[in-house]
């Protein structure tokens, strides 16, 4: 059985890909923050201090954000 390849992004790669700062990313993941976004991709914990984001989930989030802002809800 061939499983689809999963590509993981580091925080640095995520920052580069979506153009948000580290603090802006973490504010989107914190329900207590004004910028909280429940649709923002959650990281995969690889250890106590290491997290990665699934590239396809990030791409889906970006696509949804763009469509939503342009009135083409996906």
PDB file of N, CA and C in Angstrom:
ATOM      1  N   UNK A   1       0.840  -1.183   0.000  1.00  0.00           N
ATOM      2  CA  UNK A   1       0.000   0.000   0.000  1.00  0.00           C
ATOM      3  C   UNK A   1       0.884   1.244   0.000  1.00  0.00           C
ATOM      4  N   UNK A   2       0.597   2.163  -0.898  1.00  0.00           N
ATOM      5  CA  UNK A   2       1.361   3.405  -1.008  1.00  0.00           C
ATOM      6  C   UNK A   2       0.624   4.528  -0.288  1.00  0.00           C
ATOM      7  N   UNK A   3       1.203   5.033   0.784  1.00  0.00           N
ATOM      8  CA  UNK A   3       0.619   6.157   1.507  1.00  0.00           C
ATOM      9  C   UNK A   3       1.135   7.456   0.906  1.00  0.00           C
ATOM     10  N   UNK A   4       0.304   8.507   0.930  1.00  0.00           N
ATOM     11  CA  UNK A   4       0.787   9.785   0.421  1.00  0.00           C
ATOM     12  C   UNK A   4       1.924  10.299   1.296  1.00  0.00           C
ATOM     13  N   UNK A   5       2.875  10.942   0.670  1.00  0.00           N
ATOM     14  CA  UNK A   5       4.017  11.494   1.393  1.00  0.00           C
ATOM     15  C   UNK A   5       3.561  12.701   2.213  1.00  0.00           C
ATOM     16  N   UNK A   6       3.952  12.726   3.473  1.00  0.00           N
ATOM     17  CA  UNK A   6       3.629  13.850   4.346  1.00  0.00           C
ATOM     18  C   UNK A   6       4.883  14.689   4.510  1.00  0.00           C
ATOM     19  N   UNK A   7       4.761  15.972   4.193  1.00  0.00           N
ATOM     20  CA  UNK A   7       5.875  16.891   4.350  1.00  0.00           C
ATOM     21  C   UNK A   7       5.611  17.756   5.573  1.00  0.00           C
ATOM     22  N   UNK A   8       6.608  17.819   6.455  1.00  0.00           N
ATOM     23  CA  UNK A   8       6.490  18.612   7.669  1.00  0.00           C
ATOM     24  C   UNK A   8       7.307  19.886   7.540  1.00  0.00           C
ATOM     25  N   UNK A   9       6.761  20.977   8.071  1.00  0.00           N
ATOM     26  CA  UNK A   9       7.434  22.268   8.027  1.00  0.00           C
ATOM     27  C   UNK A   9       7.912  22.665   9.419  1.00  0.00           C
ATOM     28  N   UNK A  10       9.107  23.206   9.484  1.00  0.00           N
ATOM     29  CA  UNK A  10       9.593  23.777  10.733  1.00  0.00           C
ATOM     30  C   UNK A  10       8.913  25.124  10.943  1.00  0.00           C
ATOM     31  N   UNK A  11       9.060  25.684  12.127  1.00  0.00           N
ATOM     32  CA  UNK A  11       8.495  27.002  12.389  1.00  0.00           C
ATOM     33  C   UNK A  11       9.079  28.027  11.425  1.00  0.00           C
ATOM     34  N   UNK A  12      10.363  27.959  11.196  1.00  0.00           N
ATOM     35  CA  UNK A  12      11.014  28.891  10.266  1.00  0.00           C
ATOM     36  C   UNK A  12      10.418  28.775   8.862  1.00  0.00           C
ATOM     37  N   UNK A  13      10.199  27.540   8.409  1.00  0.00           N
ATOM     38  CA  UNK A  13       9.594  27.330   7.087  1.00  0.00           C
ATOM     39  C   UNK A  13       8.151  27.826   7.055  1.00  0.00           C
ATOM     40  N   UNK A  14       7.428  27.619   8.154  1.00  0.00           N
ATOM     41  CA  UNK A  14       6.046  28.089   8.242  1.00  0.00           C
ATOM     42  C   UNK A  14       5.995  29.609   8.164  1.00  0.00           C
ATOM     43  N   UNK A  15       6.866  30.269   8.901  1.00  0.00           N
ATOM     44  CA  UNK A  15       6.946  31.727   8.889  1.00  0.00           C
ATOM     45  C   UNK A  15       7.209  32.221   7.475  1.00  0.00           C
ATOM     46  N   UNK A  16       8.150  31.596   6.808  1.00  0.00           N
ATOM     47  CA  UNK A  16       8.500  31.984   5.441  1.00  0.00           C
ATOM     48  C   UNK A  16       7.331  31.744   4.482  1.00  0.00           C
ATOM     49  N   UNK A  17       6.640  30.653   4.677  1.00  0.00           N
ATOM     50  CA  UNK A  17       5.572  30.260   3.749  1.00  0.00           C
ATOM     51  C   UNK A  17       4.334  31.143   3.861  1.00  0.00           C
ATOM     52  N   UNK A  18       3.940  31.506   5.102  1.00  0.00           N
ATOM     53  CA  UNK A  18       2.693  32.249   5.262  1.00  0.00           C
ATOM     54  C   UNK A  18       2.898  33.733   5.558  1.00  0.00           C
ATOM     55  N   UNK A  19       4.116  34.142   5.827  1.00  0.00           N
ATOM     56  CA  UNK A  19       4.404  35.558   6.010  1.00  0.00           C
ATOM     57  C   UNK A  19       3.951  36.150   7.329  1.00  0.00           C
ATOM     58  N   UNK A  20       3.784  35.316   8.337  1.00  0.00           N
ATOM     59  CA  UNK A  20       3.423  35.797   9.668  1.00  0.00           C
ATOM     60  C   UNK A  20       4.610  35.608  10.611  1.00  0.00           C
ATOM     61  N   UNK A  21       4.667  36.429  11.641  1.00  0.00           N
ATOM     62  CA  UNK A  21       5.735  36.293  12.633  1.00  0.00           C
ATOM     63  C   UNK A  21       5.449  35.106  13.556  1.00  0.00           C
ATOM     64  N   UNK A  22       6.455  34.720  14.312  1.00  0.00           N
ATOM     65  CA  UNK A  22       6.309  33.624  15.266  1.00  0.00           C
ATOM     66  C   UNK A  22       5.186  33.946  16.262  1.00  0.00           C
ATOM     67  N   UNK A  23       5.181  35.169  16.790  1.00  0.00           N
ATOM     68  CA  UNK A  23       4.162  35.525  17.783  1.00  0.00           C
ATOM     69  C   UNK A  23       2.771  35.548  17.153  1.00  0.00           C
ATOM     70  N   UNK A  24       2.646  36.007  15.918  1.00  0.00           N
ATOM     71  CA  UNK A  24       1.349  36.019  15.244  1.00  0.00           C
ATOM     72  C   UNK A  24       0.822  34.602  15.032  1.00  0.00           C
ATOM     73  N   UNK A  25       1.719  33.686  14.718  1.00  0.00           N
ATOM     74  CA  UNK A  25       1.337  32.277  14.542  1.00  0.00           C
ATOM     75  C   UNK A  25       0.810  31.711  15.848  1.00  0.00           C
ATOM     76  N   UNK A  26       1.541  31.924  16.936  1.00  0.00           N
ATOM     77  CA  UNK A  26       1.123  31.378  18.222  1.00  0.00           C
ATOM     78  C   UNK A  26      -0.136  32.060  18.761  1.00  0.00           C
ATOM     79  N   UNK A  27      -0.355  33.338  18.427  1.00  0.00           N
ATOM     80  CA  UNK A  27      -1.602  34.006  18.832  1.00  0.00           C
ATOM     81  C   UNK A  27      -2.796  33.385  18.113  1.00  0.00           C
ATOM     82  N   UNK A  28      -2.602  32.942  16.890  1.00  0.00           N
ATOM     83  CA  UNK A  28      -3.697  32.309  16.154  1.00  0.00           C
ATOM     84  C   UNK A  28      -4.061  30.934  16.726  1.00  0.00           C
ATOM     85  N   UNK A  29      -3.155  30.341  17.471  1.00  0.00           N
ATOM     86  CA  UNK A  29      -3.408  29.020  18.047  1.00  0.00           C
ATOM     87  C   UNK A  29      -3.879  29.083  19.497  1.00  0.00           C
ATOM     88  N   UNK A  30      -3.886  30.276  20.099  1.00  0.00           N
ATOM     89  CA  UNK A  30      -4.242  30.429  21.517  1.00  0.00           C
ATOM     90  C   UNK A  30      -5.668  30.962  21.668  1.00  0.00           C
ATOM     91  N   UNK A  31      -6.577  30.137  22.200  1.00  0.00           N
ATOM     92  CA  UNK A  31      -7.983  30.557  22.340  1.00  0.00           C
ATOM     93  C   UNK A  31      -8.169  31.821  23.187  1.00  0.00           C
ATOM     94  N   UNK A  32      -7.200  32.170  24.010  1.00  0.00           N
ATOM     95  CA  UNK A  32      -7.322  33.359  24.857  1.00  0.00           C
ATOM     96  C   UNK A  32      -6.955  34.640  24.109  1.00  0.00           C
ATOM     97  N   UNK A  33      -6.386  34.502  22.930  1.00  0.00           N
ATOM     98  CA  UNK A  33      -5.913  35.661  22.172  1.00  0.00           C
ATOM     99  C   UNK A  33      -6.989  36.222  21.247  1.00  0.00           C
ATOM    100  N   UNK A  34      -6.918  37.517  21.011  1.00  0.00           N
ATOM    101  CA  UNK A  34      -7.852  38.210  20.128  1.00  0.00           C
ATOM    102  C   UNK A  34      -7.756  37.678  18.687  1.00  0.00           C
ATOM    103  N   UNK A  35      -6.556  37.299  18.253  1.00  0.00           N
ATOM    104  CA  UNK A  35      -6.348  36.811  16.881  1.00  0.00           C
ATOM    105  C   UNK A  35      -6.564  35.301  16.733  1.00  0.00           C
ATOM    106  N   UNK A  36      -7.106  34.661  17.761  1.00  0.00           N
ATOM    107  CA  UNK A  36      -7.311  33.206  17.713  1.00  0.00           C
ATOM    108  C   UNK A  36      -8.077  32.804  16.456  1.00  0.00           C
ATOM    109  N   UNK A  37      -7.594  31.774  15.808  1.00  0.00           N
ATOM    110  CA  UNK A  37      -8.232  31.244  14.603  1.00  0.00           C
ATOM    111  C   UNK A  37      -8.347  29.734  14.762  1.00  0.00           C
ATOM    112  N   UNK A  38      -9.549  29.240  15.059  1.00  0.00           N
ATOM    113  CA  UNK A  38      -9.711  27.795  15.273  1.00  0.00           C
ATOM    114  C   UNK A  38      -9.417  26.962  14.031  1.00  0.00           C
ATOM    115  N   UNK A  39      -9.359  27.604  12.860  1.00  0.00           N
ATOM    116  CA  UNK A  39      -9.067  26.864  11.629  1.00  0.00           C
ATOM    117  C   UNK A  39      -7.569  26.790  11.331  1.00  0.00           C
ATOM    118  N   UNK A  40      -6.769  27.520  12.107  1.00  0.00           N
ATOM    119  CA  UNK A  40      -5.323  27.525  11.861  1.00  0.00           C
ATOM    120  C   UNK A  40      -4.744  26.139  12.134  1.00  0.00           C
ATOM    121  N   UNK A  41      -3.873  25.649  11.243  1.00  0.00           N
ATOM    122  CA  UNK A  41      -3.305  24.302  11.419  1.00  0.00           C
ATOM    123  C   UNK A  41      -2.567  24.141  12.746  1.00  0.00           C
ATOM    124  N   UNK A  42      -2.805  23.036  13.386  1.00  0.00           N
ATOM    125  CA  UNK A  42      -2.146  22.725  14.652  1.00  0.00           C
ATOM    126  C   UNK A  42      -0.837  21.992  14.375  1.00  0.00           C
ATOM    127  N   UNK A  43       0.172  22.266  15.190  1.00  0.00           N
ATOM    128  CA  UNK A  43       1.443  21.574  14.988  1.00  0.00           C
ATOM    129  C   UNK A  43       1.391  20.129  15.479  1.00  0.00           C
ATOM    130  N   UNK A  44       2.289  19.340  14.959  1.00  0.00           N
ATOM    131  CA  UNK A  44       2.494  17.970  15.416  1.00  0.00           C
ATOM    132  C   UNK A  44       3.688  18.028  16.366  1.00  0.00           C
ATOM    133  N   UNK A  45       3.499  17.585  17.598  1.00  0.00           N
ATOM    134  CA  UNK A  45       4.589  17.590  18.566  1.00  0.00           C
ATOM    135  C   UNK A  45       5.521  16.418  18.273  1.00  0.00           C
ATOM    136  N   UNK A  46       6.790  16.733  18.038  1.00  0.00           N
ATOM    137  CA  UNK A  46       7.791  15.712  17.737  1.00  0.00           C
ATOM    138  C   UNK A  46       8.623  15.374  18.975  1.00  0.00           C
ATOM    139  N   UNK A  47       8.444  16.150  20.011  1.00  0.00           N
ATOM    140  CA  UNK A  47       9.168  15.982  21.258  1.00  0.00           C
ATOM    141  C   UNK A  47       8.759  17.119  22.184  1.00  0.00           C
ATOM    142  N   UNK A  48       9.436  17.256  23.290  1.00  0.00           N
ATOM    143  CA  UNK A  48       9.061  18.291  24.253  1.00  0.00           C
ATOM    144  C   UNK A  48       9.202  19.698  23.690  1.00  0.00           C
ATOM    145  N   UNK A  49      10.221  19.916  22.876  1.00  0.00           N
ATOM    146  CA  UNK A  49      10.491  21.265  22.379  1.00  0.00           C
ATOM    147  C   UNK A  49      10.441  21.382  20.858  1.00  0.00           C
ATOM    148  N   UNK A  50       9.981  20.350  20.188  1.00  0.00           N
ATOM    149  CA  UNK A  50       9.981  20.350  18.721  1.00  0.00           C
ATOM    150  C   UNK A  50       8.575  20.149  18.177  1.00  0.00           C
ATOM    151  N   UNK A  51       8.173  21.068  17.318  1.00  0.00           N
ATOM    152  CA  UNK A  51       6.875  20.980  16.654  1.00  0.00           C
ATOM    153  C   UNK A  51       7.076  21.138  15.158  1.00  0.00           C
ATOM    154  N   UNK A  52       6.190  20.526  14.397  1.00  0.00           N
ATOM    155  CA  UNK A  52       6.197  20.659  12.942  1.00  0.00           C
ATOM    156  C   UNK A  52       4.755  20.816  12.477  1.00  0.00           C
ATOM    157  N   UNK A  53       4.585  21.478  11.336  1.00  0.00           N
ATOM    158  CA  UNK A  53       3.263  21.669  10.737  1.00  0.00           C
ATOM    159  C   UNK A  53       3.182  20.850   9.456  1.00  0.00           C
ATOM    160  N   UNK A  54       2.031  20.245   9.221  1.00  0.00           N
ATOM    161  CA  UNK A  54       1.829  19.442   8.023  1.00  0.00           C
ATOM    162  C   UNK A  54       1.579  20.396   6.855  1.00  0.00           C
ATOM    163  N   UNK A  55       2.440  20.306   5.853  1.00  0.00           N
ATOM    164  CA  UNK A  55       2.408  21.219   4.721  1.00  0.00           C
ATOM    165  C   UNK A  55       1.041  21.276   4.053  1.00  0.00           C
ATOM    166  N   UNK A  56       0.418  20.136   3.831  1.00  0.00           N
ATOM    167  CA  UNK A  56      -0.877  20.117   3.144  1.00  0.00           C
ATOM    168  C   UNK A  56      -1.955  20.830   3.965  1.00  0.00           C
ATOM    169  N   UNK A  57      -1.887  20.748   5.292  1.00  0.00           N
ATOM    170  CA  UNK A  57      -2.852  21.448   6.143  1.00  0.00           C
ATOM    171  C   UNK A  57      -2.639  22.959   6.061  1.00  0.00           C
ATOM    172  N   UNK A  58      -1.377  23.375   6.005  1.00  0.00           N
ATOM    173  CA  UNK A  58      -1.054  24.794   5.859  1.00  0.00           C
ATOM    174  C   UNK A  58      -1.575  25.302   4.514  1.00  0.00           C
ATOM    175  N   UNK A  59      -1.338  24.528   3.459  1.00  0.00           N
ATOM    176  CA  UNK A  59      -1.821  24.906   2.123  1.00  0.00           C
ATOM    177  C   UNK A  59      -3.345  25.010   2.097  1.00  0.00           C
ATOM    178  N   UNK A  60      -4.026  24.060   2.731  1.00  0.00           N
ATOM    179  CA  UNK A  60      -5.492  24.084   2.785  1.00  0.00           C
ATOM    180  C   UNK A  60      -5.985  25.322   3.533  1.00  0.00           C
ATOM    181  N   UNK A  61      -5.322  25.656   4.646  1.00  0.00           N
ATOM    182  CA  UNK A  61      -5.701  26.832   5.427  1.00  0.00           C
ATOM    183  C   UNK A  61      -5.532  28.105   4.600  1.00  0.00           C
ATOM    184  N   UNK A  62      -4.407  28.215   3.897  1.00  0.00           N
ATOM    185  CA  UNK A  62      -4.163  29.388   3.054  1.00  0.00           C
ATOM    186  C   UNK A  62      -5.218  29.509   1.961  1.00  0.00           C
ATOM    187  N   UNK A  63      -5.528  28.402   1.321  1.00  0.00           N
ATOM    188  CA  UNK A  63      -6.532  28.400   0.253  1.00  0.00           C
ATOM    189  C   UNK A  63      -7.891  28.836   0.792  1.00  0.00           C
ATOM    190  N   UNK A  64      -8.269  28.305   1.954  1.00  0.00           N
ATOM    191  CA  UNK A  64      -9.542  28.667   2.580  1.00  0.00           C
ATOM    192  C   UNK A  64      -9.569  30.156   2.928  1.00  0.00           C
ATOM    193  N   UNK A  65      -8.475  30.664   3.470  1.00  0.00           N
ATOM    194  CA  UNK A  65      -8.370  32.073   3.843  1.00  0.00           C
ATOM    195  C   UNK A  65      -8.539  32.977   2.626  1.00  0.00           C
ATOM    196  N   UNK A  66      -7.863  32.630   1.552  1.00  0.00           N
ATOM    197  CA  UNK A  66      -7.943  33.415   0.320  1.00  0.00           C
ATOM    198  C   UNK A  66      -9.360  33.379  -0.249  1.00  0.00           C
ATOM    199  N   UNK A  67      -9.945  32.194  -0.330  1.00  0.00           N
ATOM    200  CA  UNK A  67     -11.310  32.058  -0.862  1.00  0.00           C
ATOM    201  C   UNK A  67     -12.311  32.822  -0.003  1.00  0.00           C
ATOM    202  N   UNK A  68     -12.169  32.727   1.310  1.00  0.00           N
ATOM    203  CA  UNK A  68     -13.074  33.405   2.229  1.00  0.00           C
ATOM    204  C   UNK A  68     -13.007  34.925   2.043  1.00  0.00           C
ATOM    205  N   UNK A  69     -11.799  35.454   1.904  1.00  0.00           N
ATOM    206  CA  UNK A  69     -11.627  36.891   1.749  1.00  0.00           C
ATOM    207  C   UNK A  69     -12.097  37.405   0.398  1.00  0.00           C
ATOM    208  N   UNK A  70     -12.093  36.548  -0.577  1.00  0.00           N
ATOM    209  CA  UNK A  70     -12.527  36.942  -1.921  1.00  0.00           C
ATOM    210  C   UNK A  70     -13.967  36.574  -2.215  1.00  0.00           C
ATOM    211  N   UNK A  71     -14.654  36.066  -1.199  1.00  0.00           N
ATOM    212  CA  UNK A  71     -16.062  35.746  -1.344  1.00  0.00           C
ATOM    213  C   UNK A  71     -16.349  34.453  -2.086  1.00  0.00           C
ATOM    214  N   UNK A  72     -15.344  33.578  -2.160  1.00  0.00           N
ATOM    215  CA  UNK A  72     -15.495  32.279  -2.840  1.00  0.00           C
ATOM    216  C   UNK A  72     -15.342  31.152  -1.832  1.00  0.00           C
ATOM    217  N   UNK A  73     -16.082  31.182  -0.745  1.00  0.00           N
ATOM    218  CA  UNK A  73     -15.917  30.196   0.332  1.00  0.00           C
ATOM    219  C   UNK A  73     -15.787  28.789  -0.223  1.00  0.00           C
ATOM    220  N   UNK A  74     -14.695  28.141   0.198  1.00  0.00           N
ATOM    221  CA  UNK A  74     -14.419  26.781  -0.275  1.00  0.00           C
ATOM    222  C   UNK A  74     -15.068  25.758   0.623  1.00  0.00           C
TER     223      UNK A  74
END
